[in-house]
Amino acid sequence: MNRTQRFSRSIFSGYACTFVVAACSFASIYLSLHFLSVPQFGLWALVFQINGYLLLTDFGMSNAVGRFLMDWKDQRPSKQYGETFIAGLLILFFQAAILFSLSIGVVFWAPGLLKIPHELIPSFRFLVFGQALISAVFFPFRVFSFALVAYGRFDWINTGAAMGQLASLGAFAWGLKHGWNLPSYLFGSLMDAISTTLVIIVANHRLHLFPKAKEMIRPGWDYLFMIFRYGRDMFLILFGNRILFASQAIILARFAGLEAVAAWAVGSKMFFFCRDFSNQIAQASGPLLIEIYAKGNFILASKKLQDLALLSGSFATVLGSSLILGNRSFVSLWTKGLIQWETPSDVVLAFILMITCLFAALCHVTGMTKDLTIIRWVGLKESLLFLLFACFLVRLLGIFGMVLAHFSAACLISVPFLFSSVQKFNQRHNSAIRIAPSAFIRWALVLFSSYFLSSIFTQKLNFQFLSIAFVLLMCLFVFLLAPLHWEIVRPFFKSRLHLLPKSFQRLF
């Protein structure tokens, strides 16, 4: 399977998986608010984010092992491939033990720190312990996902994730129907882990990714330390991102209560859906860009990276505009007015979405060169700055203050890093990766225009006015964003011009 086929399969399966995950997530929240109280739902959202922190015991090894497997996958049978695979498996067993040990400490000290209501403390401890146990048991199986990432087979990974979400939703609904209440979440999580793991193992078997007998070799300490050094940098990156995207519930629980946690879990759901949806392109492009770069074609890699960044920025702008226009009405309709959400928070989230997508695209310059000496501190600096701002702003402005803290930290840390890293890559490889300032101006104009349309047409839930606003927004997309991508799509369009009728060929 060539690069184009792998990329296409990864993109389309990624979009399908994102829709499935979003639909299951929306359905699970609807069921939660129907069968459980708002504080109980907020408690699970808090436990889910705490488990995300416990998963940081991965220490960046997932990305490290996957990246080293990429170097040897085209030289099989290779002892280095088997050595890397076995090293990843041994590391994951060790990390699973650490994860479970840390969860025991969290069970005892977290309730007082997070001000959990006394009547919910037993449920909190049970959920944290149960979720950590499930994560630890299935932790070593992640090595099979590393092999799929190395070969760029995200289609199988996305299929596994989608199957896991469907199984989780079914188990969760079954548990609620039979009166299990909060333990239904753990039953759903268990079925998710089992389904996902089975799909990943089947994929490795069908694609012959398991190390062959002559590839099996016990990894040496030098090789393990080399993986650990690369993983250490990835851990710092992931740790920063985890604080940025997985500490909101913890901060809100501390300073605003479980009701605010529930409101954030519902109101931000569309933002995370848009983020995952737009990042599919950057995620699928990573192995392909690394493959082009590893073969010494630096100019082509630079050109593809520039196109990727431009496409990611525009795509994030389109999704962010839709978020501004429709999220408030969607939350009100979805929860039947039980939870209210304000549009100004969506405006700031749309700008965060654009910065996040650009970062996901342009950070491939570090993945191609394996130089993580600078980027490893970016996420950590940004997360610490976010915590500093959030602890102050959440007290004053609630959820909007937390969103504003995230945006401020991103503007002060991530944006300058993007410019400096691209400049260094250009100097190192004599390339010309550049995004014109007019692109940023157009993206900002679209977002502010969507807020203007929202203030006019969507103050009340009226589908006729909402449809008019979306039509006007689509016209704005064509007028402002289409010219940015003409140079990218023109070669593709010209090569297929002969397929059009003669009259259209003369027109174009």
Protein backbone atom coordinates (compact mmCIF):
# COMPACT_ATOMS: atom_id res chain seq x y z
CA MET A 1 0.00 0.00 0.00
CA ASN A 2 1.52 3.33 -1.07
CA ARG A 3 1.64 6.59 0.90
CA THR A 4 -1.45 8.08 -0.71
CA GLN A 5 -3.57 5.03 0.07
CA ARG A 6 -2.38 4.90 3.67
CA PHE A 7 -3.01 8.62 4.10
CA SER A 8 -6.49 8.42 2.56
CA ARG A 9 -7.48 5.45 4.69
CA SER A 10 -6.15 7.14 7.82
CA ILE A 11 -8.02 10.37 7.10
CA PHE A 12 -11.39 8.84 6.26
CA SER A 13 -11.25 6.28 9.05
CA GLY A 14 -10.19 9.04 11.42
CA TYR A 15 -13.20 11.15 10.49
CA ALA A 16 -15.51 8.16 10.84
CA CYS A 17 -14.01 7.34 14.22
CA THR A 18 -14.36 10.95 15.37
CA PHE A 19 -18.05 10.95 14.47
CA VAL A 20 -18.60 7.63 16.25
CA VAL A 21 -16.75 8.81 19.36
CA ALA A 22 -18.67 12.10 19.36
CA ALA A 23 -22.04 10.38 18.91
CA CYS A 24 -21.28 7.90 21.70
CA SER A 25 -20.07 10.70 23.94
CA PHE A 26 -23.18 12.79 23.34
CA ALA A 27 -25.38 9.76 23.94
CA SER A 28 -23.55 8.85 27.17
CA ILE A 29 -23.96 12.39 28.50
CA TYR A 30 -27.65 12.33 27.64
CA LEU A 31 -28.02 9.03 29.51
CA SER A 32 -25.98 10.33 32.44
CA LEU A 33 -28.15 13.42 32.87
CA HIS A 34 -31.26 11.25 32.55
CA PHE A 35 -30.34 8.57 35.11
CA LEU A 36 -27.88 10.42 37.38
CA SER A 37 -27.71 13.77 39.14
CA VAL A 38 -25.53 16.63 37.88
CA PRO A 39 -22.99 16.22 40.76
CA GLN A 40 -22.71 12.48 40.01
CA PHE A 41 -22.02 13.20 36.35
CA GLY A 42 -19.47 15.85 37.36
CA LEU A 43 -17.82 13.28 39.63
CA TRP A 44 -17.24 10.90 36.70
CA ALA A 45 -15.87 13.72 34.54
CA LEU A 46 -13.42 14.44 37.36
CA VAL A 47 -12.41 10.76 37.70
CA PHE A 48 -11.91 10.52 33.94
CA GLN A 49 -9.43 13.41 33.99
CA ILE A 50 -7.61 12.02 37.04
CA ASN A 51 -7.13 8.76 35.14
CA GLY A 52 -5.70 10.82 32.29
CA TYR A 53 -3.02 12.05 34.68
CA LEU A 54 -2.31 8.50 35.85
CA LEU A 55 -1.77 7.48 32.23
CA LEU A 56 1.18 9.89 32.19
CA THR A 57 3.12 7.02 33.75
CA ASP A 58 3.63 6.12 30.09
CA PHE A 59 6.49 8.66 30.37
CA GLY A 60 6.39 9.25 26.61
CA MET A 61 7.38 5.69 25.78
CA SER A 62 4.44 5.24 23.38
CA ASN A 63 5.75 7.89 21.02
CA ALA A 64 9.37 6.86 21.54
CA VAL A 65 8.87 3.17 20.71
CA GLY A 66 6.66 4.02 17.72
CA ARG A 67 9.25 6.46 16.38
CA PHE A 68 12.11 3.92 16.66
CA LEU A 69 10.03 1.22 14.99
CA MET A 70 9.66 3.57 12.00
CA ASP A 71 13.42 3.44 11.47
CA TRP A 72 13.49 -0.35 11.08
CA LYS A 73 10.12 -1.29 9.58
CA ASP A 74 11.42 -1.13 5.99
CA GLN A 75 14.43 -3.34 6.76
CA ARG A 76 12.64 -6.43 8.06
CA PRO A 77 13.52 -9.04 9.06
CA SER A 78 15.56 -6.90 11.42
CA LYS A 79 16.84 -7.62 14.92
CA GLN A 80 16.50 -3.93 15.71
CA TYR A 81 12.76 -4.11 14.99
CA GLY A 82 12.30 -7.07 17.33
CA GLU A 83 14.54 -5.49 19.96
CA THR A 84 12.46 -2.30 19.91
CA PHE A 85 9.19 -4.23 20.09
CA ILE A 86 10.30 -6.33 23.07
CA ALA A 87 11.74 -3.25 24.79
CA GLY A 88 8.39 -1.49 24.47
CA LEU A 89 6.58 -4.50 25.97
CA LEU A 90 8.90 -4.71 28.97
CA ILE A 91 8.67 -0.98 29.61
CA LEU A 92 4.86 -1.08 29.52
CA PHE A 93 4.69 -3.87 32.13
CA PHE A 94 6.85 -1.80 34.45
CA GLN A 95 4.75 1.32 33.87
CA ALA A 96 1.47 -0.54 34.50
CA ALA A 97 2.72 -1.39 37.99
CA ILE A 98 3.59 2.26 38.63
CA LEU A 99 0.16 3.41 37.41
CA PHE A 100 -1.69 1.07 39.76
CA SER A 101 0.52 2.02 42.72
CA LEU A 102 -0.10 5.73 42.19
CA SER A 103 -3.86 5.20 42.00
CA ILE A 104 -3.84 3.86 45.57
CA GLY A 105 -2.37 7.14 46.78
CA VAL A 106 -4.90 9.18 44.79
CA VAL A 107 -7.79 7.22 46.33
CA PHE A 108 -6.83 8.46 49.81
CA TRP A 109 -5.60 12.04 49.43
CA ALA A 110 -7.59 13.39 46.45
CA PRO A 111 -11.08 13.71 48.08
CA GLY A 112 -9.93 16.32 50.60
CA LEU A 113 -7.82 18.24 48.09
CA LEU A 114 -10.61 18.43 45.50
CA LYS A 115 -13.35 19.11 48.06
CA ILE A 116 -15.46 16.11 47.08
CA PRO A 117 -18.83 16.14 48.93
CA HIS A 118 -18.77 13.71 51.84
CA GLU A 119 -21.61 11.56 50.48
CA LEU A 120 -19.76 11.05 47.15
CA ILE A 121 -16.34 10.11 48.57
CA PRO A 122 -16.97 6.30 48.58
CA SER A 123 -18.13 6.45 44.96
CA PHE A 124 -15.11 8.58 44.03
CA ARG A 125 -12.67 6.11 45.55
CA PHE A 126 -14.36 3.14 43.92
CA LEU A 127 -14.33 4.79 40.47
CA VAL A 128 -10.70 5.91 40.68
CA PHE A 129 -9.50 2.49 41.85
CA GLY A 130 -11.58 0.59 39.29
CA GLN A 131 -10.58 2.76 36.35
CA ALA A 132 -6.90 2.59 37.32
CA LEU A 133 -7.11 -1.21 37.56
CA ILE A 134 -8.60 -1.45 34.06
CA SER A 135 -5.96 0.90 32.65
CA ALA A 136 -3.10 -1.03 34.30
CA VAL A 137 -4.28 -4.45 33.09
CA PHE A 138 -4.53 -3.33 29.46
CA PHE A 139 -1.47 -1.05 29.52
CA PRO A 140 1.04 -3.59 28.08
CA PHE A 141 -1.20 -4.25 25.07
CA ARG A 142 -0.47 -0.73 23.83
CA VAL A 143 2.72 -2.08 22.23
CA PHE A 144 0.58 -3.45 19.38
CA SER A 145 -0.66 0.07 18.66
CA PHE A 146 2.96 1.26 18.41
CA ALA A 147 3.57 -1.10 15.51
CA LEU A 148 0.48 0.16 13.67
CA VAL A 149 1.60 3.77 14.16
CA ALA A 150 5.06 2.92 12.79
CA TYR A 151 3.48 1.56 9.60
CA GLY A 152 1.04 4.47 9.35
CA ARG A 153 -1.97 2.15 9.70
CA PHE A 154 -4.17 4.56 11.61
CA ASP A 155 -7.18 3.01 9.88
CA TRP A 156 -6.93 -0.01 12.17
CA ILE A 157 -6.32 2.16 15.23
CA ASN A 158 -9.37 4.26 14.39
CA THR A 159 -11.45 1.13 13.81
CA GLY A 160 -10.46 -0.20 17.22
CA ALA A 161 -11.29 3.09 18.90
CA ALA A 162 -14.71 3.23 17.23
CA MET A 163 -15.53 -0.38 18.16
CA GLY A 164 -14.43 0.32 21.73
CA GLN A 165 -16.67 3.37 22.00
CA LEU A 166 -19.70 1.49 20.70
CA ALA A 167 -19.08 -1.36 23.14
CA SER A 168 -18.60 1.13 25.96
CA LEU A 169 -21.87 2.92 25.22
CA GLY A 170 -23.78 -0.36 25.05
CA ALA A 171 -22.34 -1.59 28.35
CA PHE A 172 -22.93 1.79 30.01
CA ALA A 173 -26.58 1.90 28.90
CA TRP A 174 -27.10 -1.71 30.03
CA GLY A 175 -25.66 -0.90 33.46
CA LEU A 176 -27.85 2.18 33.91
CA LYS A 177 -30.93 0.25 32.85
CA HIS A 178 -30.23 -2.38 35.51
CA GLY A 179 -29.70 0.20 38.25
CA TRP A 180 -25.91 0.09 38.52
CA ASN A 181 -25.63 3.92 38.53
CA LEU A 182 -21.98 5.10 38.77
CA PRO A 183 -20.40 1.62 38.42
CA SER A 184 -21.93 1.55 34.93
CA TYR A 185 -19.09 3.84 33.85
CA LEU A 186 -16.52 1.23 34.84
CA PHE A 187 -18.40 -1.51 33.01
CA GLY A 188 -18.38 0.63 29.88
CA SER A 189 -14.68 1.38 30.29
CA LEU A 190 -13.89 -2.34 30.63
CA MET A 191 -15.77 -3.22 27.45
CA ASP A 192 -14.04 -0.36 25.65
CA ALA A 193 -10.60 -1.70 26.62
CA ILE A 194 -11.45 -5.28 25.64
CA SER A 195 -12.94 -4.37 22.24
CA THR A 196 -10.15 -1.97 21.29
CA THR A 197 -7.42 -4.42 22.27
CA LEU A 198 -8.96 -7.27 20.29
CA VAL A 199 -9.14 -5.18 17.11
CA ILE A 200 -5.52 -4.02 17.49
CA ILE A 201 -4.24 -7.59 18.02
CA VAL A 202 -6.17 -8.85 14.98
CA ALA A 203 -4.68 -6.02 12.91
CA ASN A 204 -1.13 -6.93 13.95
CA HIS A 205 -1.77 -10.54 13.05
CA ARG A 206 -3.25 -9.79 9.62
CA LEU A 207 -0.54 -7.28 8.70
CA HIS A 208 2.28 -9.55 10.01
CA LEU A 209 3.60 -6.91 12.40
CA PHE A 210 4.52 -9.30 15.21
CA PRO A 211 8.30 -9.85 15.39
CA LYS A 212 9.34 -13.06 13.68
CA ALA A 213 11.32 -15.72 15.52
CA LYS A 214 14.66 -14.55 14.05
CA GLU A 215 13.84 -10.96 15.04
CA MET A 216 13.32 -11.80 18.70
CA ILE A 217 16.21 -10.45 20.73
CA ARG A 218 16.51 -9.35 24.33
CA PRO A 219 17.05 -5.57 24.40
CA GLY A 220 20.25 -4.32 25.94
CA TRP A 221 20.45 -1.66 28.61
CA ASP A 222 22.04 0.81 26.18
CA TYR A 223 19.11 0.48 23.80
CA LEU A 224 16.58 0.83 26.63
CA PHE A 225 18.28 4.01 27.83
CA MET A 226 18.28 5.41 24.30
CA ILE A 227 14.50 4.89 24.09
CA PHE A 228 14.10 6.37 27.56
CA ARG A 229 16.03 9.51 26.60
CA TYR A 230 13.79 10.11 23.61
CA GLY A 231 10.73 9.18 25.67
CA ARG A 232 11.75 11.59 28.42
CA ASP A 233 11.42 14.50 26.04
CA MET A 234 8.10 13.21 24.76
CA PHE A 235 6.91 12.82 28.36
CA LEU A 236 7.59 16.47 29.09
CA ILE A 237 5.61 17.42 25.99
CA LEU A 238 2.71 15.14 26.90
CA PHE A 239 2.78 16.25 30.53
CA GLY A 240 2.34 19.85 29.49
CA ASN A 241 -0.51 18.98 27.13
CA ARG A 242 -2.16 16.88 29.83
CA ILE A 243 -2.21 19.81 32.24
CA LEU A 244 -3.62 22.08 29.55
CA PHE A 245 -6.40 19.79 28.34
CA ALA A 246 -7.07 17.54 31.33
CA SER A 247 -6.93 19.80 34.38
CA GLN A 248 -10.01 21.92 33.72
CA ALA A 249 -12.30 19.64 35.72
CA ILE A 250 -9.86 19.53 38.62
CA ILE A 251 -9.52 23.33 38.73
CA LEU A 252 -13.27 23.86 38.46
CA ALA A 253 -13.95 21.26 41.16
CA ARG A 254 -11.56 23.07 43.47
CA PHE A 255 -12.76 26.63 42.85
CA ALA A 256 -16.28 26.39 41.38
CA GLY A 257 -17.87 23.07 42.41
CA LEU A 258 -19.06 19.90 40.66
CA GLU A 259 -21.91 21.76 38.89
CA ALA A 260 -19.32 23.83 37.01
CA VAL A 261 -17.45 20.61 36.18
CA ALA A 262 -20.65 19.19 34.67
CA ALA A 263 -21.27 22.39 32.68
CA TRP A 264 -17.71 22.31 31.30
CA ALA A 265 -17.96 18.61 30.44
CA VAL A 266 -21.06 19.32 28.33
CA GLY A 267 -20.24 22.75 26.90
CA SER A 268 -16.70 21.87 25.84
CA LYS A 269 -17.65 18.58 24.22
CA MET A 270 -18.11 20.16 20.79
CA PHE A 271 -14.74 21.93 21.10
CA PHE A 272 -12.92 18.65 21.72
CA PHE A 273 -14.83 17.06 18.87
CA CYS A 274 -13.67 19.86 16.54
CA ARG A 275 -10.10 19.53 17.82
CA ASP A 276 -10.00 15.77 17.22
CA PHE A 277 -11.69 16.17 13.84
CA SER A 278 -9.26 18.81 12.58
CA ASN A 279 -6.18 17.08 13.98
CA GLN A 280 -6.83 13.94 11.92
CA ILE A 281 -4.99 15.46 8.96
CA ALA A 282 -1.90 16.35 11.00
CA GLN A 283 -1.89 12.97 12.76
CA ALA A 284 -2.12 10.96 9.55
CA SER A 285 0.54 13.11 7.88
CA GLY A 286 3.19 12.54 10.56
CA PRO A 287 4.55 9.13 9.47
CA LEU A 288 4.43 10.18 5.80
CA LEU A 289 6.41 13.38 6.42
CA ILE A 290 8.96 11.47 8.48
CA GLU A 291 9.30 8.91 5.68
CA ILE A 292 9.92 11.65 3.06
CA TYR A 293 12.41 13.42 5.34
CA ALA A 294 14.26 10.19 6.20
CA LYS A 295 14.85 9.58 2.48
CA GLY A 296 16.62 12.97 2.24
CA ASN A 297 13.95 14.84 0.25
CA PHE A 298 13.99 17.94 2.49
CA ILE A 299 12.46 20.33 -0.04
CA LEU A 300 9.44 18.12 -0.68
CA ALA A 301 9.00 17.56 3.08
CA SER A 302 9.08 21.33 3.63
CA LYS A 303 6.52 21.96 0.90
CA LYS A 304 4.17 19.28 2.26
CA LEU A 305 4.54 20.66 5.78
CA GLN A 306 3.67 24.18 4.66
CA ASP A 307 0.58 22.93 2.83
CA LEU A 308 -0.38 20.92 5.90
CA ALA A 309 -0.11 23.95 8.19
CA LEU A 310 -2.16 26.15 5.86
CA LEU A 311 -4.84 23.50 5.47
CA SER A 312 -4.96 22.83 9.22
CA GLY A 313 -5.35 26.53 10.03
CA SER A 314 -8.23 27.00 7.59
CA PHE A 315 -9.94 23.79 8.63
CA ALA A 316 -9.70 24.80 12.29
CA THR A 317 -11.17 28.20 11.40
CA VAL A 318 -14.15 26.59 9.67
CA LEU A 319 -14.82 24.31 12.62
CA GLY A 320 -14.24 27.12 15.12
CA SER A 321 -16.75 29.33 13.30
CA SER A 322 -19.33 26.55 13.43
CA LEU A 323 -18.59 26.18 17.14
CA ILE A 324 -19.25 29.87 17.75
CA LEU A 325 -22.44 29.84 15.74
CA GLY A 326 -24.09 26.67 16.97
CA ASN A 327 -22.64 25.41 20.26
CA ARG A 328 -24.79 27.54 22.56
CA SER A 329 -28.02 26.42 20.92
CA PHE A 330 -26.79 22.83 20.75
CA VAL A 331 -26.02 22.66 24.48
CA SER A 332 -29.39 24.17 25.37
CA LEU A 333 -31.26 21.73 23.13
CA TRP A 334 -29.13 18.73 24.11
CA THR A 335 -29.61 19.17 27.87
CA LYS A 336 -33.18 20.55 27.56
CA GLY A 337 -32.11 23.80 29.19
CA LEU A 338 -30.59 22.08 32.23
CA ILE A 339 -27.13 23.50 31.40
CA GLN A 340 -26.52 26.97 29.94
CA TRP A 341 -23.47 27.95 27.88
CA GLU A 342 -22.25 31.38 26.77
CA THR A 343 -20.98 32.26 23.28
CA PRO A 344 -17.94 34.34 24.44
CA SER A 345 -16.38 31.12 25.75
CA ASP A 346 -16.81 29.58 22.28
CA VAL A 347 -15.05 32.55 20.66
CA VAL A 348 -11.97 32.05 22.82
CA LEU A 349 -12.13 28.27 22.30
CA ALA A 350 -12.19 28.83 18.52
CA PHE A 351 -8.92 30.76 18.68
CA ILE A 352 -7.44 28.05 20.93
CA LEU A 353 -8.54 25.49 18.33
CA MET A 354 -6.73 27.36 15.56
CA ILE A 355 -3.51 27.64 17.60
CA THR A 356 -3.71 23.98 18.62
CA CYS A 357 -4.13 22.76 15.05
CA LEU A 358 -1.26 24.89 13.78
CA PHE A 359 0.91 23.55 16.58
CA ALA A 360 -0.03 19.95 15.74
CA ALA A 361 0.96 20.53 12.11
CA LEU A 362 4.15 22.54 12.53
CA CYS A 363 5.55 20.49 15.41
CA HIS A 364 6.30 17.80 12.82
CA VAL A 365 9.56 19.67 12.21
CA THR A 366 10.76 18.24 15.52
CA GLY A 367 9.41 14.77 14.73
CA MET A 368 11.28 14.67 11.43
CA THR A 369 14.60 15.75 12.93
CA LYS A 370 14.16 13.93 16.30
CA ASP A 371 15.31 17.17 17.95
CA LEU A 372 13.08 17.61 20.99
CA THR A 373 15.44 19.72 23.08
CA ILE A 374 13.32 22.86 22.73
CA ILE A 375 9.77 21.61 22.29
CA ARG A 376 9.96 19.42 25.40
CA TRP A 377 9.73 22.53 27.61
CA VAL A 378 7.05 24.35 25.61
CA GLY A 379 4.07 22.40 26.92
CA LEU A 380 5.36 22.49 30.48
CA LYS A 381 5.92 26.25 30.42
CA GLU A 382 2.50 26.83 28.88
CA SER A 383 0.77 24.55 31.37
CA LEU A 384 2.40 26.20 34.38
CA LEU A 385 1.45 29.63 33.06
CA PHE A 386 -2.10 28.34 32.47
CA LEU A 387 -2.35 27.09 36.06
CA LEU A 388 -1.14 30.44 37.36
CA PHE A 389 -3.71 32.37 35.32
CA ALA A 390 -6.53 29.86 35.90
CA CYS A 391 -6.27 29.81 39.70
CA PHE A 392 -6.84 33.57 39.64
CA LEU A 393 -9.33 33.95 36.78
CA VAL A 394 -11.60 31.00 37.64
CA ARG A 395 -12.41 32.63 40.99
CA LEU A 396 -13.54 35.79 39.17
CA LEU A 397 -15.03 34.58 35.88
CA GLY A 398 -15.73 30.88 36.32
CA ILE A 399 -15.53 28.78 33.14
CA PHE A 400 -14.84 31.80 30.93
CA GLY A 401 -11.87 32.70 33.12
CA MET A 402 -10.41 29.23 32.66
CA VAL A 403 -10.79 29.42 28.88
CA LEU A 404 -9.21 32.87 28.87
CA ALA A 405 -6.29 31.56 30.92
CA HIS A 406 -5.67 28.82 28.35
CA PHE A 407 -5.74 31.26 25.44
CA SER A 408 -3.37 33.70 27.18
CA ALA A 409 -0.86 30.96 27.94
CA ALA A 410 -0.98 29.69 24.35
CA CYS A 411 -0.37 33.16 22.90
CA LEU A 412 2.59 33.77 25.19
CA ILE A 413 4.29 30.37 24.77
CA SER A 414 3.10 28.25 21.82
CA VAL A 415 2.81 30.99 19.19
CA PRO A 416 6.39 32.34 19.62
CA PHE A 417 7.71 28.76 19.63
CA LEU A 418 6.02 27.97 16.31
CA PHE A 419 7.70 30.91 14.60
CA SER A 420 11.14 30.18 16.06
CA SER A 421 11.07 26.41 15.33
CA VAL A 422 10.01 26.93 11.71
CA GLN A 423 12.70 29.57 11.26
CA LYS A 424 15.39 27.21 12.59
CA PHE A 425 14.19 24.41 10.32
CA ASN A 426 14.34 26.74 7.32
CA GLN A 427 17.90 27.77 8.15
CA ARG A 428 19.03 24.19 8.77
CA HIS A 429 17.64 22.77 5.50
CA ASN A 430 17.64 25.89 3.31
CA SER A 431 13.87 25.59 2.94
CA ALA A 432 11.11 28.20 2.88
CA ILE A 433 8.23 27.13 5.12
CA ARG A 434 6.15 30.27 5.49
CA ILE A 435 2.54 31.19 6.22
CA ALA A 436 1.67 34.62 4.88
CA PRO A 437 0.34 37.17 7.42
CA SER A 438 -2.74 37.57 5.23
CA ALA A 439 -3.74 34.00 6.15
CA PHE A 440 -3.86 34.89 9.85
CA ILE A 441 -5.85 38.02 9.07
CA ARG A 442 -8.38 36.04 7.04
CA TRP A 443 -8.74 33.41 9.76
CA ALA A 444 -9.33 36.07 12.42
CA LEU A 445 -11.88 37.88 10.21
CA VAL A 446 -13.85 34.68 9.74
CA LEU A 447 -13.97 33.99 13.49
CA PHE A 448 -15.03 37.52 14.40
CA SER A 449 -17.64 37.50 11.62
CA SER A 450 -19.09 34.27 12.98
CA TYR A 451 -19.41 35.90 16.40
CA PHE A 452 -21.19 38.86 14.77
CA LEU A 453 -23.60 36.49 13.00
CA SER A 454 -24.15 34.61 16.26
CA SER A 455 -25.07 37.78 18.13
CA ILE A 456 -27.63 38.65 15.42
CA PHE A 457 -29.22 35.31 14.56
CA THR A 458 -28.80 32.89 17.46
CA GLN A 459 -29.76 34.75 20.62
CA LYS A 460 -32.86 32.55 20.69
CA LEU A 461 -33.14 28.95 19.56
CA ASN A 462 -34.62 29.45 16.08
CA PHE A 463 -33.62 26.96 13.40
CA GLN A 464 -34.63 29.30 10.55
CA PHE A 465 -32.32 32.07 11.77
CA LEU A 466 -29.59 29.53 12.50
CA SER A 467 -29.80 28.19 8.94
CA ILE A 468 -29.51 31.71 7.51
CA ALA A 469 -26.43 32.36 9.65
CA PHE A 470 -24.77 29.14 8.45
CA VAL A 471 -25.45 30.02 4.80
CA LEU A 472 -23.88 33.45 5.26
CA LEU A 473 -20.93 31.81 7.00
CA MET A 474 -20.41 29.39 4.10
CA CYS A 475 -20.29 32.35 1.68
CA LEU A 476 -17.68 33.93 3.93
CA PHE A 477 -15.61 30.74 3.84
CA VAL A 478 -15.60 30.73 0.04
CA PHE A 479 -14.75 34.43 -0.19
CA LEU A 480 -11.98 34.57 2.44
CA LEU A 481 -10.51 31.06 2.73
CA ALA A 482 -10.74 29.54 -0.75
CA PRO A 483 -8.04 31.85 -2.27
CA LEU A 484 -5.54 30.63 0.35
CA HIS A 485 -5.60 27.09 -1.03
CA TRP A 486 -5.76 27.64 -4.78
CA GLU A 487 -2.05 26.94 -5.23
CA ILE A 488 -2.48 23.64 -3.37
CA VAL A 489 -5.54 22.36 -5.24
CA ARG A 490 -4.70 23.75 -8.70
CA PRO A 491 -2.36 20.88 -9.76
CA PHE A 492 -4.90 18.32 -8.61
CA PHE A 493 -7.70 20.19 -10.37
CA LYS A 494 -5.79 20.65 -13.64
CA SER A 495 -4.86 16.97 -13.82
CA ARG A 496 -8.55 16.06 -13.72
CA LEU A 497 -9.92 18.86 -15.88
CA HIS A 498 -10.34 16.48 -18.82
CA LEU A 499 -13.03 14.59 -16.89
CA LEU A 500 -15.38 17.58 -17.07
CA PRO A 501 -17.72 18.28 -20.01
CA LYS A 502 -16.26 20.38 -22.86
CA SER A 503 -18.24 23.47 -21.90
CA PHE A 504 -16.87 23.40 -18.34
CA GLN A 505 -13.33 22.80 -19.60
CA ARG A 506 -13.52 26.01 -21.67
CA LEU A 507 -14.96 27.89 -18.69
CA PHE A 508 -12.14 26.89 -16.34
